[in-house]
């Protein structure tokens, strides 16, 4: 039939393999630069995201409290008006004595 080399192929396989590898690498790199199309954000996912972020507070007393100082807090429920309607939220005020 013809001379196909020691592996039984046509002899161009390493060259084709390099071309396909280069093409795959180029596609992978260019896919990283593409920006995703923003999906429609439902109100449910927005509300869930808002609840997952917890605020962090740091207490800095105005004066250095003494050895036997106590922190007193007053808490209450307050009505806040939101787009979805009135919501009851906890409020707190603290001080040192």
PDB file of N, CA and C in Angstrom:
ATOM      1  N   UNK A   1       0.828  -1.173   0.000  1.00  0.00           N
ATOM      2  CA  UNK A   1       0.000   0.000   0.000  1.00  0.00           C
ATOM      3  C   UNK A   1       0.873   1.237   0.000  1.00  0.00           C
ATOM      4  N   UNK A   2       1.461   1.584   1.063  1.00  0.00           N
ATOM      5  CA  UNK A   2       2.329   2.756   1.108  1.00  0.00           C
ATOM      6  C   UNK A   2       3.121   2.740   2.397  1.00  0.00           C
ATOM      7  N   UNK A   3       4.091   3.611   2.492  1.00  0.00           N
ATOM      8  CA  UNK A   3       4.922   3.692   3.694  1.00  0.00           C
ATOM      9  C   UNK A   3       4.225   4.576   4.721  1.00  0.00           C
ATOM     10  N   UNK A   4       3.793   3.957   5.809  1.00  0.00           N
ATOM     11  CA  UNK A   4       3.070   4.698   6.840  1.00  0.00           C
ATOM     12  C   UNK A   4       3.931   4.929   8.077  1.00  0.00           C
ATOM     13  N   UNK A   5       5.123   4.573   8.122  1.00  0.00           N
ATOM     14  CA  UNK A   5       6.005   4.806   9.256  1.00  0.00           C
ATOM     15  C   UNK A   5       5.899   3.697  10.282  1.00  0.00           C
ATOM     16  N   UNK A   6       6.614   3.853  11.389  1.00  0.00           N
ATOM     17  CA  UNK A   6       6.692   2.815  12.404  1.00  0.00           C
ATOM     18  C   UNK A   6       5.409   2.707  13.223  1.00  0.00           C
ATOM     19  N   UNK A   7       4.678   3.784  13.417  1.00  0.00           N
ATOM     20  CA  UNK A   7       3.475   3.774  14.249  1.00  0.00           C
ATOM     21  C   UNK A   7       2.242   3.396  13.446  1.00  0.00           C
ATOM     22  N   UNK A   8       2.335   3.325  12.152  1.00  0.00           N
ATOM     23  CA  UNK A   8       1.185   2.976  11.340  1.00  0.00           C
ATOM     24  C   UNK A   8       0.385   4.195  10.935  1.00  0.00           C
ATOM     25  N   UNK A   9       0.800   5.415  11.289  1.00  0.00           N
ATOM     26  CA  UNK A   9       0.087   6.633  10.935  1.00  0.00           C
ATOM     27  C   UNK A   9       0.681   7.260   9.706  1.00  0.00           C
ATOM     28  N   UNK A  10       0.276   8.471   9.412  1.00  0.00           N
ATOM     29  CA  UNK A  10       0.768   9.144   8.221  1.00  0.00           C
ATOM     30  C   UNK A  10       2.040   9.921   8.470  1.00  0.00           C
ATOM     31  N   UNK A  11       2.421  10.095   9.731  1.00  0.00           N
ATOM     32  CA  UNK A  11       3.629  10.847  10.029  1.00  0.00           C
ATOM     33  C   UNK A  11       3.336  12.304  10.363  1.00  0.00           C
ATOM     34  N   UNK A  12       2.131  12.794  10.145  1.00  0.00           N
ATOM     35  CA  UNK A  12       1.765  14.175  10.450  1.00  0.00           C
ATOM     36  C   UNK A  12       1.086  14.313  11.805  1.00  0.00           C
ATOM     37  N   UNK A  13       0.935  13.245  12.534  1.00  0.00           N
ATOM     38  CA  UNK A  13       0.199  13.262  13.787  1.00  0.00           C
ATOM     39  C   UNK A  13       0.807  14.206  14.816  1.00  0.00           C
ATOM     40  N   UNK A  14       2.110  14.239  15.046  1.00  0.00           N
ATOM     41  CA  UNK A  14       2.646  15.171  16.032  1.00  0.00           C
ATOM     42  C   UNK A  14       2.353  16.624  15.652  1.00  0.00           C
ATOM     43  N   UNK A  15       2.402  16.954  14.374  1.00  0.00           N
ATOM     44  CA  UNK A  15       2.128  18.322  13.933  1.00  0.00           C
ATOM     45  C   UNK A  15       0.658  18.669  14.146  1.00  0.00           C
ATOM     46  N   UNK A  16      -0.246  17.745  13.830  1.00  0.00           N
ATOM     47  CA  UNK A  16      -1.675  17.976  14.043  1.00  0.00           C
ATOM     48  C   UNK A  16      -1.982  18.081  15.535  1.00  0.00           C
ATOM     49  N   UNK A  17      -1.301  17.275  16.320  1.00  0.00           N
ATOM     50  CA  UNK A  17      -1.499  17.318  17.764  1.00  0.00           C
ATOM     51  C   UNK A  17      -1.093  18.674  18.317  1.00  0.00           C
ATOM     52  N   UNK A  18       0.001  19.237  17.849  1.00  0.00           N
ATOM     53  CA  UNK A  18       0.452  20.555  18.302  1.00  0.00           C
ATOM     54  C   UNK A  18      -0.540  21.634  17.889  1.00  0.00           C
ATOM     55  N   UNK A  19      -1.086  21.526  16.684  1.00  0.00           N
ATOM     56  CA  UNK A  19      -2.043  22.518  16.200  1.00  0.00           C
ATOM     57  C   UNK A  19      -3.316  22.470  17.040  1.00  0.00           C
ATOM     58  N   UNK A  20      -3.835  21.253  17.304  1.00  0.00           N
ATOM     59  CA  UNK A  20      -5.041  21.130  18.115  1.00  0.00           C
ATOM     60  C   UNK A  20      -4.809  21.592  19.557  1.00  0.00           C
ATOM     61  N   UNK A  21      -3.626  21.314  20.093  1.00  0.00           N
ATOM     62  CA  UNK A  21      -3.311  21.767  21.449  1.00  0.00           C
ATOM     63  C   UNK A  21      -3.260  23.285  21.508  1.00  0.00           C
ATOM     64  N   UNK A  22      -2.647  23.902  20.512  1.00  0.00           N
ATOM     65  CA  UNK A  22      -2.573  25.356  20.452  1.00  0.00           C
ATOM     66  C   UNK A  22      -3.961  25.970  20.303  1.00  0.00           C
ATOM     67  N   UNK A  23      -4.801  25.347  19.487  1.00  0.00           N
ATOM     68  CA  UNK A  23      -6.160  25.822  19.303  1.00  0.00           C
ATOM     69  C   UNK A  23      -6.968  25.717  20.607  1.00  0.00           C
ATOM     70  N   UNK A  24      -6.834  24.600  21.324  1.00  0.00           N
ATOM     71  CA  UNK A  24      -7.540  24.412  22.594  1.00  0.00           C
ATOM     72  C   UNK A  24      -7.069  25.420  23.637  1.00  0.00           C
ATOM     73  N   UNK A  25      -5.777  25.692  23.687  1.00  0.00           N
ATOM     74  CA  UNK A  25      -5.229  26.668  24.623  1.00  0.00           C
ATOM     75  C   UNK A  25      -5.742  28.066  24.307  1.00  0.00           C
ATOM     76  N   UNK A  26      -5.790  28.410  23.020  1.00  0.00           N
ATOM     77  CA  UNK A  26      -6.295  29.722  22.609  1.00  0.00           C
ATOM     78  C   UNK A  26      -7.761  29.885  22.992  1.00  0.00           C
ATOM     79  N   UNK A  27      -8.560  28.847  22.784  1.00  0.00           N
ATOM     80  CA  UNK A  27      -9.974  28.921  23.148  1.00  0.00           C
ATOM     81  C   UNK A  27     -10.156  29.044  24.655  1.00  0.00           C
ATOM     82  N   UNK A  28      -9.356  28.327  25.425  1.00  0.00           N
ATOM     83  CA  UNK A  28      -9.469  28.389  26.879  1.00  0.00           C
ATOM     84  C   UNK A  28      -9.102  29.771  27.401  1.00  0.00           C
ATOM     85  N   UNK A  29      -8.067  30.369  26.851  1.00  0.00           N
ATOM     86  CA  UNK A  29      -7.655  31.705  27.291  1.00  0.00           C
ATOM     87  C   UNK A  29      -8.684  32.750  26.884  1.00  0.00           C
ATOM     88  N   UNK A  30      -9.197  32.666  25.657  1.00  0.00           N
ATOM     89  CA  UNK A  30     -10.166  33.659  25.206  1.00  0.00           C
ATOM     90  C   UNK A  30     -11.486  33.515  25.963  1.00  0.00           C
ATOM     91  N   UNK A  31     -11.840  32.315  26.412  1.00  0.00           N
ATOM     92  CA  UNK A  31     -13.067  32.134  27.185  1.00  0.00           C
ATOM     93  C   UNK A  31     -12.953  32.814  28.539  1.00  0.00           C
ATOM     94  N   UNK A  32     -11.743  32.931  29.070  1.00  0.00           N
ATOM     95  CA  UNK A  32     -11.541  33.608  30.345  1.00  0.00           C
ATOM     96  C   UNK A  32     -11.762  35.106  30.261  1.00  0.00           C
ATOM     97  N   UNK A  33     -11.599  35.696  29.076  1.00  0.00           N
ATOM     98  CA  UNK A  33     -11.775  37.131  28.912  1.00  0.00           C
ATOM     99  C   UNK A  33     -13.208  37.525  28.577  1.00  0.00           C
ATOM    100  N   UNK A  34     -14.046  36.567  28.276  1.00  0.00           N
ATOM    101  CA  UNK A  34     -15.428  36.876  27.958  1.00  0.00           C
ATOM    102  C   UNK A  34     -16.184  37.239  29.231  1.00  0.00           C
ATOM    103  N   UNK A  35     -17.024  38.252  29.166  1.00  0.00           N
ATOM    104  CA  UNK A  35     -17.829  38.616  30.320  1.00  0.00           C
ATOM    105  C   UNK A  35     -19.159  37.883  30.242  1.00  0.00           C
ATOM    106  N   UNK A  36     -19.616  37.333  31.348  1.00  0.00           N
ATOM    107  CA  UNK A  36     -20.879  36.612  31.312  1.00  0.00           C
ATOM    108  C   UNK A  36     -22.049  37.572  31.135  1.00  0.00           C
ATOM    109  N   UNK A  37     -23.067  37.096  30.510  1.00  0.00           N
ATOM    110  CA  UNK A  37     -24.273  37.883  30.315  1.00  0.00           C
ATOM    111  C   UNK A  37     -25.034  37.896  31.632  1.00  0.00           C
ATOM    112  N   UNK A  38     -25.374  39.088  32.152  1.00  0.00           N
ATOM    113  CA  UNK A  38     -26.067  39.112  33.448  1.00  0.00           C
ATOM    114  C   UNK A  38     -27.452  38.511  33.336  1.00  0.00           C
ATOM    115  N   UNK A  39     -27.751  37.650  34.272  1.00  0.00           N
ATOM    116  CA  UNK A  39     -29.058  37.001  34.294  1.00  0.00           C
ATOM    117  C   UNK A  39     -30.042  37.900  35.016  1.00  0.00           C
ATOM    118  N   UNK A  40     -31.309  37.651  34.803  1.00  0.00           N
ATOM    119  CA  UNK A  40     -32.333  38.397  35.499  1.00  0.00           C
ATOM    120  C   UNK A  40     -32.291  38.033  36.972  1.00  0.00           C
ATOM    121  N   UNK A  41     -32.251  39.032  37.821  1.00  0.00           N
ATOM    122  CA  UNK A  41     -32.188  38.787  39.254  1.00  0.00           C
ATOM    123  C   UNK A  41     -33.604  38.837  39.795  1.00  0.00           C
ATOM    124  N   UNK A  42     -34.006  37.745  40.378  1.00  0.00           N
ATOM    125  CA  UNK A  42     -35.348  37.716  40.949  1.00  0.00           C
ATOM    126  C   UNK A  42     -35.319  38.378  42.321  1.00  0.00           C
ATOM    127  N   UNK A  43     -36.464  38.784  42.799  1.00  0.00           N
ATOM    128  CA  UNK A  43     -36.530  39.430  44.108  1.00  0.00           C
ATOM    129  C   UNK A  43     -36.182  38.446  45.217  1.00  0.00           C
ATOM    130  N   UNK A  44     -36.460  37.154  44.995  1.00  0.00           N
ATOM    131  CA  UNK A  44     -36.153  36.155  46.009  1.00  0.00           C
ATOM    132  C   UNK A  44     -34.650  36.059  46.239  1.00  0.00           C
ATOM    133  N   UNK A  45     -33.864  35.993  45.175  1.00  0.00           N
ATOM    134  CA  UNK A  45     -32.417  35.870  45.347  1.00  0.00           C
ATOM    135  C   UNK A  45     -31.840  37.138  45.950  1.00  0.00           C
ATOM    136  N   UNK A  46     -32.441  38.293  45.636  1.00  0.00           N
ATOM    137  CA  UNK A  46     -31.959  39.553  46.197  1.00  0.00           C
ATOM    138  C   UNK A  46     -32.222  39.598  47.703  1.00  0.00           C
ATOM    139  N   UNK A  47     -33.409  39.150  48.117  1.00  0.00           N
ATOM    140  CA  UNK A  47     -33.725  39.143  49.544  1.00  0.00           C
ATOM    141  C   UNK A  47     -32.831  38.163  50.296  1.00  0.00           C
ATOM    142  N   UNK A  48     -32.556  37.024  49.695  1.00  0.00           N
ATOM    143  CA  UNK A  48     -31.689  36.041  50.343  1.00  0.00           C
ATOM    144  C   UNK A  48     -30.278  36.591  50.483  1.00  0.00           C
ATOM    145  N   UNK A  49     -29.790  37.283  49.456  1.00  0.00           N
ATOM    146  CA  UNK A  49     -28.437  37.840  49.521  1.00  0.00           C
ATOM    147  C   UNK A  49     -28.356  38.921  50.587  1.00  0.00           C
ATOM    148  N   UNK A  50     -29.410  39.696  50.749  1.00  0.00           N
ATOM    149  CA  UNK A  50     -29.401  40.753  51.751  1.00  0.00           C
ATOM    150  C   UNK A  50     -29.376  40.177  53.159  1.00  0.00           C
ATOM    151  N   UNK A  51     -29.973  39.007  53.362  1.00  0.00           N
ATOM    152  CA  UNK A  51     -30.000  38.418  54.682  1.00  0.00           C
ATOM    153  C   UNK A  51     -28.708  37.696  55.023  1.00  0.00           C
ATOM    154  N   UNK A  52     -27.929  37.308  54.044  1.00  0.00           N
ATOM    155  CA  UNK A  52     -26.723  36.537  54.324  1.00  0.00           C
ATOM    156  C   UNK A  52     -25.565  37.415  54.783  1.00  0.00           C
ATOM    157  N   UNK A  53     -25.604  38.707  54.520  1.00  0.00           N
ATOM    158  CA  UNK A  53     -24.521  39.604  54.927  1.00  0.00           C
ATOM    159  C   UNK A  53     -24.827  40.095  56.338  1.00  0.00           C
ATOM    160  N   UNK A  54     -23.964  39.765  57.271  1.00  0.00           N
ATOM    161  CA  UNK A  54     -24.177  40.170  58.655  1.00  0.00           C
ATOM    162  C   UNK A  54     -23.255  41.325  58.982  1.00  0.00           C
ATOM    163  N   UNK A  55     -23.776  42.412  59.527  1.00  0.00           N
ATOM    164  CA  UNK A  55     -22.917  43.552  59.862  1.00  0.00           C
ATOM    165  C   UNK A  55     -22.030  43.228  61.055  1.00  0.00           C
ATOM    166  N   UNK A  56     -20.844  43.777  61.039  1.00  0.00           N
ATOM    167  CA  UNK A  56     -19.927  43.602  62.161  1.00  0.00           C
ATOM    168  C   UNK A  56     -19.817  44.939  62.875  1.00  0.00           C
ATOM    169  N   UNK A  57     -19.896  44.915  64.173  1.00  0.00           N
ATOM    170  CA  UNK A  57     -19.755  46.141  64.938  1.00  0.00           C
ATOM    171  C   UNK A  57     -18.611  45.980  65.916  1.00  0.00           C
ATOM    172  N   UNK A  58     -17.946  47.081  66.207  1.00  0.00           N
ATOM    173  CA  UNK A  58     -16.878  47.107  67.187  1.00  0.00           C
ATOM    174  C   UNK A  58     -17.264  48.126  68.245  1.00  0.00           C
ATOM    175  N   UNK A  59     -17.186  47.750  69.501  1.00  0.00           N
ATOM    176  CA  UNK A  59     -17.560  48.643  70.586  1.00  0.00           C
ATOM    177  C   UNK A  59     -16.309  49.364  71.067  1.00  0.00           C
ATOM    178  N   UNK A  60     -16.355  50.703  71.001  1.00  0.00           N
ATOM    179  CA  UNK A  60     -15.260  51.533  71.499  1.00  0.00           C
ATOM    180  C   UNK A  60     -15.842  52.473  72.555  1.00  0.00           C
ATOM    181  N   UNK A  61     -15.678  52.179  73.834  1.00  0.00           N
ATOM    182  CA  UNK A  61     -16.224  53.076  74.843  1.00  0.00           C
ATOM    183  C   UNK A  61     -15.499  54.420  74.818  1.00  0.00           C
ATOM    184  N   UNK A  62     -16.210  55.488  75.169  1.00  0.00           N
ATOM    185  CA  UNK A  62     -15.617  56.834  75.149  1.00  0.00           C
ATOM    186  C   UNK A  62     -14.528  56.957  76.198  1.00  0.00           C
ATOM    187  N   UNK A  63     -14.711  56.356  77.309  1.00  0.00           N
ATOM    188  CA  UNK A  63     -13.672  56.335  78.337  1.00  0.00           C
ATOM    189  C   UNK A  63     -13.360  54.872  78.660  1.00  0.00           C
ATOM    190  N   UNK A  64     -12.198  54.666  79.175  1.00  0.00           N
ATOM    191  CA  UNK A  64     -11.830  53.293  79.512  1.00  0.00           C
ATOM    192  C   UNK A  64     -12.636  52.869  80.738  1.00  0.00           C
ATOM    193  N   UNK A  65     -13.461  51.829  80.585  1.00  0.00           N
ATOM    194  CA  UNK A  65     -14.285  51.427  81.726  1.00  0.00           C
ATOM    195  C   UNK A  65     -13.425  50.862  82.847  1.00  0.00           C
ATOM    196  N   UNK A  66     -13.896  51.078  84.053  1.00  0.00           N
ATOM    197  CA  UNK A  66     -13.171  50.565  85.213  1.00  0.00           C
ATOM    198  C   UNK A  66     -13.259  49.053  85.295  1.00  0.00           C
ATOM    199  N   UNK A  67     -12.653  48.545  86.338  1.00  0.00           N
ATOM    200  CA  UNK A  67     -12.592  47.107  86.494  1.00  0.00           C
ATOM    201  C   UNK A  67     -13.978  46.489  86.664  1.00  0.00           C
ATOM    202  N   UNK A  68     -14.862  47.183  87.333  1.00  0.00           N
ATOM    203  CA  UNK A  68     -16.187  46.641  87.606  1.00  0.00           C
ATOM    204  C   UNK A  68     -17.271  47.295  86.745  1.00  0.00           C
ATOM    205  N   UNK A  69     -16.899  47.905  85.647  1.00  0.00           N
ATOM    206  CA  UNK A  69     -17.877  48.534  84.757  1.00  0.00           C
ATOM    207  C   UNK A  69     -18.710  47.461  84.059  1.00  0.00           C
ATOM    208  N   UNK A  70     -19.942  47.840  83.776  1.00  0.00           N
ATOM    209  CA  UNK A  70     -20.847  46.937  83.076  1.00  0.00           C
ATOM    210  C   UNK A  70     -21.366  47.621  81.830  1.00  0.00           C
ATOM    211  N   UNK A  71     -21.698  46.826  80.887  1.00  0.00           N
ATOM    212  CA  UNK A  71     -22.295  47.331  79.654  1.00  0.00           C
ATOM    213  C   UNK A  71     -23.797  47.079  79.737  1.00  0.00           C
ATOM    214  N   UNK A  72     -24.566  48.142  79.669  1.00  0.00           N
ATOM    215  CA  UNK A  72     -26.019  48.049  79.712  1.00  0.00           C
ATOM    216  C   UNK A  72     -26.564  48.294  78.317  1.00  0.00           C
ATOM    217  N   UNK A  73     -27.594  47.553  77.990  1.00  0.00           N
ATOM    218  CA  UNK A  73     -28.199  47.699  76.667  1.00  0.00           C
ATOM    219  C   UNK A  73     -29.711  47.795  76.801  1.00  0.00           C
ATOM    220  N   UNK A  74     -30.296  48.576  75.929  1.00  0.00           N
ATOM    221  CA  UNK A  74     -31.748  48.709  75.834  1.00  0.00           C
ATOM    222  C   UNK A  74     -32.132  48.278  74.434  1.00  0.00           C
ATOM    223  N   UNK A  75     -33.099  47.397  74.332  1.00  0.00           N
ATOM    224  CA  UNK A  75     -33.506  46.926  73.008  1.00  0.00           C
ATOM    225  C   UNK A  75     -35.010  47.078  72.853  1.00  0.00           C
ATOM    226  N   UNK A  76     -35.439  47.255  71.627  1.00  0.00           N
ATOM    227  CA  UNK A  76     -36.845  47.411  71.319  1.00  0.00           C
ATOM    228  C   UNK A  76     -37.092  47.030  69.868  1.00  0.00           C
ATOM    229  N   UNK A  77     -38.345  46.877  69.522  1.00  0.00           N
ATOM    230  CA  UNK A  77     -38.727  46.592  68.141  1.00  0.00           C
ATOM    231  C   UNK A  77     -39.283  47.865  67.534  1.00  0.00           C
ATOM    232  N   UNK A  78     -38.837  48.179  66.323  1.00  0.00           N
ATOM    233  CA  UNK A  78     -39.287  49.389  65.641  1.00  0.00           C
ATOM    234  C   UNK A  78     -39.831  49.030  64.270  1.00  0.00           C
ATOM    235  N   UNK A  79     -40.779  49.817  63.808  1.00  0.00           N
ATOM    236  CA  UNK A  79     -41.366  49.612  62.487  1.00  0.00           C
ATOM    237  C   UNK A  79     -40.569  50.439  61.479  1.00  0.00           C
ATOM    238  N   UNK A  80     -40.093  49.781  60.415  1.00  0.00           N
ATOM    239  CA  UNK A  80     -39.423  50.460  59.307  1.00  0.00           C
ATOM    240  C   UNK A  80     -40.259  50.263  58.065  1.00  0.00           C
ATOM    241  N   UNK A  81     -40.350  51.326  57.273  1.00  0.00           N
ATOM    242  CA  UNK A  81     -41.143  51.263  56.052  1.00  0.00           C
ATOM    243  C   UNK A  81     -40.221  50.933  54.887  1.00  0.00           C
ATOM    244  N   UNK A  82     -40.510  49.847  54.215  1.00  0.00           N
ATOM    245  CA  UNK A  82     -39.725  49.398  53.063  1.00  0.00           C
ATOM    246  C   UNK A  82     -40.621  49.335  51.844  1.00  0.00           C
ATOM    247  N   UNK A  83     -40.017  49.033  50.695  1.00  0.00           N
ATOM    248  CA  UNK A  83     -40.770  48.949  49.451  1.00  0.00           C
ATOM    249  C   UNK A  83     -41.823  47.849  49.531  1.00  0.00           C
ATOM    250  N   UNK A  84     -41.463  46.749  50.191  1.00  0.00           N
ATOM    251  CA  UNK A  84     -42.396  45.629  50.293  1.00  0.00           C
ATOM    252  C   UNK A  84     -43.482  45.869  51.335  1.00  0.00           C
ATOM    253  N   UNK A  85     -43.346  46.922  52.141  1.00  0.00           N
ATOM    254  CA  UNK A  85     -44.323  47.227  53.178  1.00  0.00           C
ATOM    255  C   UNK A  85     -43.636  47.414  54.520  1.00  0.00           C
ATOM    256  N   UNK A  86     -44.398  47.718  55.572  1.00  0.00           N
ATOM    257  CA  UNK A  86     -43.788  47.918  56.889  1.00  0.00           C
ATOM    258  C   UNK A  86     -43.202  46.611  57.437  1.00  0.00           C
ATOM    259  N   UNK A  87     -42.039  46.745  58.086  1.00  0.00           N
ATOM    260  CA  UNK A  87     -41.323  45.589  58.636  1.00  0.00           C
ATOM    261  C   UNK A  87     -40.931  45.917  60.073  1.00  0.00           C
ATOM    262  N   UNK A  88     -41.057  44.960  60.963  1.00  0.00           N
ATOM    263  CA  UNK A  88     -40.626  45.114  62.350  1.00  0.00           C
ATOM    264  C   UNK A  88     -39.173  44.650  62.447  1.00  0.00           C
ATOM    265  N   UNK A  89     -38.281  45.528  62.930  1.00  0.00           N
ATOM    266  CA  UNK A  89     -36.862  45.184  63.035  1.00  0.00           C
ATOM    267  C   UNK A  89     -36.379  45.471  64.455  1.00  0.00           C
ATOM    268  N   UNK A  90     -35.431  44.691  64.955  1.00  0.00           N
ATOM    269  CA  UNK A  90     -34.899  44.949  66.298  1.00  0.00           C
ATOM    270  C   UNK A  90     -33.930  46.129  66.285  1.00  0.00           C
ATOM    271  N   UNK A  91     -33.965  46.913  67.351  1.00  0.00           N
ATOM    272  CA  UNK A  91     -33.058  48.048  67.539  1.00  0.00           C
ATOM    273  C   UNK A  91     -32.382  47.874  68.896  1.00  0.00           C
ATOM    274  N   UNK A  92     -31.164  48.436  69.063  1.00  0.00           N
ATOM    275  CA  UNK A  92     -30.454  48.309  70.322  1.00  0.00           C
ATOM    276  C   UNK A  92     -29.575  49.531  70.554  1.00  0.00           C
ATOM    277  N   UNK A  93     -29.509  49.958  71.819  1.00  0.00           N
ATOM    278  CA  UNK A  93     -28.643  51.050  72.230  1.00  0.00           C
ATOM    279  C   UNK A  93     -27.910  50.601  73.483  1.00  0.00           C
ATOM    280  N   UNK A  94     -26.578  50.733  73.502  1.00  0.00           N
ATOM    281  CA  UNK A  94     -25.780  50.264  74.644  1.00  0.00           C
ATOM    282  C   UNK A  94     -24.927  51.389  75.199  1.00  0.00           C
ATOM    283  N   UNK A  95     -24.578  51.292  76.498  1.00  0.00           N
ATOM    284  CA  UNK A  95     -23.706  52.262  77.147  1.00  0.00           C
ATOM    285  C   UNK A  95     -22.984  51.559  78.296  1.00  0.00           C
ATOM    286  N   UNK A  96     -21.911  52.200  78.785  1.00  0.00           N
ATOM    287  CA  UNK A  96     -21.103  51.651  79.870  1.00  0.00           C
ATOM    288  C   UNK A  96     -21.398  52.410  81.159  1.00  0.00           C
ATOM    289  N   UNK A  97     -21.439  51.721  82.289  1.00  0.00           N
ATOM    290  CA  UNK A  97     -21.570  52.341  83.609  1.00  0.00           C
ATOM    291  C   UNK A  97     -20.628  51.695  84.574  1.00  0.00           C
TER     292      UNK A  97
END
